[in-house]
Amino acid sequence: VQLQASGGGLVQAGGSLRLSCQASGSSFGGYFMSWYRQAPGKQRELVAGIFNGGHINYTDSVKGRFTISRDNTKKTIALQMNSLKPEDTGVYYCNGKHARYGNSWGQGTLVTVSS
């Protein structure tokens, strides 16, 4: 699957952004889809993931603020980010993992949260 992320930008602390990831290719429903982020000088970290069955997990720092969703018909996932903090700043990557087809990354979209 090929992934194209969009929706990043500059926002003030407390604001909101919505990231989207459009997939192309087949077997989207079989992918575990997730969002990662990489802050300047830090390792890439998993932010949120969603299984095809709807099971969702979040890293602790975003629980209650971020919401991940997927639409298998449109082959998209989204990340609604509310109450953004400066520490949420980073490049956000869309990722898809499939037991048979492996791991796919989108190109990344920059989120900058000013204080």
Protein backbone atom coordinates (compact mmCIF):
# COMPACT_ATOMS: atom_id res chain seq x y z
CA VAL A 1 0.00 0.00 0.00
CA GLN A 2 1.16 3.55 -0.74
CA LEU A 3 0.40 6.24 1.80
CA GLN A 4 0.00 10.01 1.44
CA ALA A 5 -0.31 12.09 4.58
CA SER A 6 -1.65 15.63 4.77
CA GLY A 7 -3.04 18.17 7.21
CA GLY A 8 -0.03 19.37 9.13
CA GLY A 9 0.62 23.00 9.86
CA LEU A 10 1.32 25.66 12.46
CA VAL A 11 -1.09 26.04 15.35
CA GLN A 12 -1.05 27.72 18.73
CA ALA A 13 -1.06 25.70 21.92
CA GLY A 14 -4.57 24.63 22.75
CA GLY A 15 -5.59 24.51 19.11
CA SER A 16 -6.57 21.62 16.89
CA LEU A 17 -5.42 19.96 13.70
CA ARG A 18 -6.70 17.03 11.71
CA LEU A 19 -4.27 14.81 9.85
CA SER A 20 -5.37 12.56 7.03
CA CYS A 21 -3.70 9.65 5.31
CA GLN A 22 -4.86 8.39 1.94
CA ALA A 23 -3.91 4.85 0.98
CA SER A 24 -3.76 3.41 -2.48
CA GLY A 25 -3.42 -0.20 -3.42
CA SER A 26 -5.15 -3.33 -2.32
CA SER A 27 -5.87 -5.09 0.95
CA PHE A 28 -6.17 -1.89 2.98
CA GLY A 29 -8.55 -3.63 5.36
CA GLY A 30 -5.85 -6.06 6.35
CA TYR A 31 -3.48 -3.38 7.54
CA PHE A 32 -2.90 -2.21 11.06
CA MET A 33 -2.81 1.55 10.55
CA SER A 34 -1.06 3.99 12.81
CA TRP A 35 0.41 7.43 13.21
CA TYR A 36 3.97 7.97 14.38
CA ARG A 37 5.74 11.21 15.11
CA GLN A 38 9.32 12.30 15.33
CA ALA A 39 10.22 15.37 17.31
CA PRO A 40 13.47 17.21 16.59
CA GLY A 41 16.37 15.26 18.04
CA LYS A 42 14.20 12.38 19.19
CA GLN A 43 13.33 8.91 17.98
CA ARG A 44 10.19 8.22 16.06
CA GLU A 45 7.40 7.13 18.39
CA LEU A 46 4.02 5.50 17.96
CA VAL A 47 1.22 7.97 18.66
CA ALA A 48 -1.93 5.98 17.88
CA GLY A 49 -2.91 2.81 16.06
CA ILE A 50 -6.12 1.23 14.87
CA PHE A 51 -6.84 -2.34 13.86
CA ASN A 52 -9.33 -3.24 11.18
CA GLY A 53 -11.71 -4.50 13.86
CA GLY A 54 -11.66 -1.10 15.50
CA HIS A 55 -9.38 -1.79 18.44
CA ILE A 56 -7.41 1.37 19.16
CA ASN A 57 -4.38 2.22 21.21
CA TYR A 58 -2.76 5.54 22.09
CA THR A 59 0.46 6.56 23.66
CA ASP A 60 -0.20 7.92 27.14
CA SER A 61 0.74 11.50 26.34
CA VAL A 62 -2.09 11.91 23.80
CA LYS A 63 -4.89 10.00 25.50
CA GLY A 64 -8.00 12.14 25.79
CA ARG A 65 -6.71 14.66 23.25
CA PHE A 66 -6.16 12.70 20.03
CA THR A 67 -8.59 10.47 18.17
CA ILE A 68 -7.63 8.05 15.43
CA SER A 69 -10.18 6.75 12.95
CA ARG A 70 -10.26 4.77 9.73
CA ASP A 71 -12.59 4.45 6.78
CA ASN A 72 -11.92 1.22 4.91
CA THR A 73 -14.26 2.20 2.07
CA LYS A 74 -12.29 5.36 1.36
CA LYS A 75 -8.96 3.78 2.37
CA THR A 76 -8.20 6.61 4.74
CA ILE A 77 -7.18 7.12 8.31
CA ALA A 78 -7.34 10.34 10.26
CA LEU A 79 -5.89 11.75 13.44
CA GLN A 80 -7.92 14.44 15.15
CA MET A 81 -5.62 16.34 17.47
CA ASN A 82 -7.14 18.64 20.08
CA SER A 83 -5.66 20.63 22.95
CA LEU A 84 -2.31 20.60 21.20
CA LYS A 85 0.83 21.25 23.21
CA PRO A 86 4.27 22.43 22.11
CA GLU A 87 5.60 18.96 22.89
CA ASP A 88 3.31 17.59 20.16
CA THR A 89 5.52 19.31 17.60
CA GLY A 90 7.12 16.99 15.11
CA VAL A 91 6.83 15.25 11.78
CA TYR A 92 3.86 12.91 11.75
CA TYR A 93 4.01 9.77 9.66
CA CYS A 94 1.26 7.49 8.55
CA ASN A 95 2.17 3.80 8.76
CA GLY A 96 0.57 0.58 7.61
CA LYS A 97 1.58 -2.91 8.71
CA HIS A 98 0.36 -6.09 7.08
CA ALA A 99 1.30 -9.62 8.06
CA ARG A 100 1.85 -10.56 4.42
CA TYR A 101 2.79 -7.33 2.67
CA GLY A 102 5.01 -5.78 5.31
CA ASN A 103 5.48 -2.22 6.41
CA SER A 104 4.61 0.99 4.51
CA TRP A 105 5.33 4.61 5.41
CA GLY A 106 3.87 7.85 4.18
CA GLN A 107 6.07 10.87 3.51
CA GLY A 108 5.37 12.72 6.77
CA THR A 109 3.60 15.95 7.54
CA LEU A 110 4.98 18.63 9.86
CA VAL A 111 3.01 19.75 12.89
CA THR A 112 4.29 22.79 14.75
CA VAL A 113 2.64 23.91 17.97
CA SER A 114 3.67 27.32 19.24
CA SER A 115 3.49 28.29 22.89
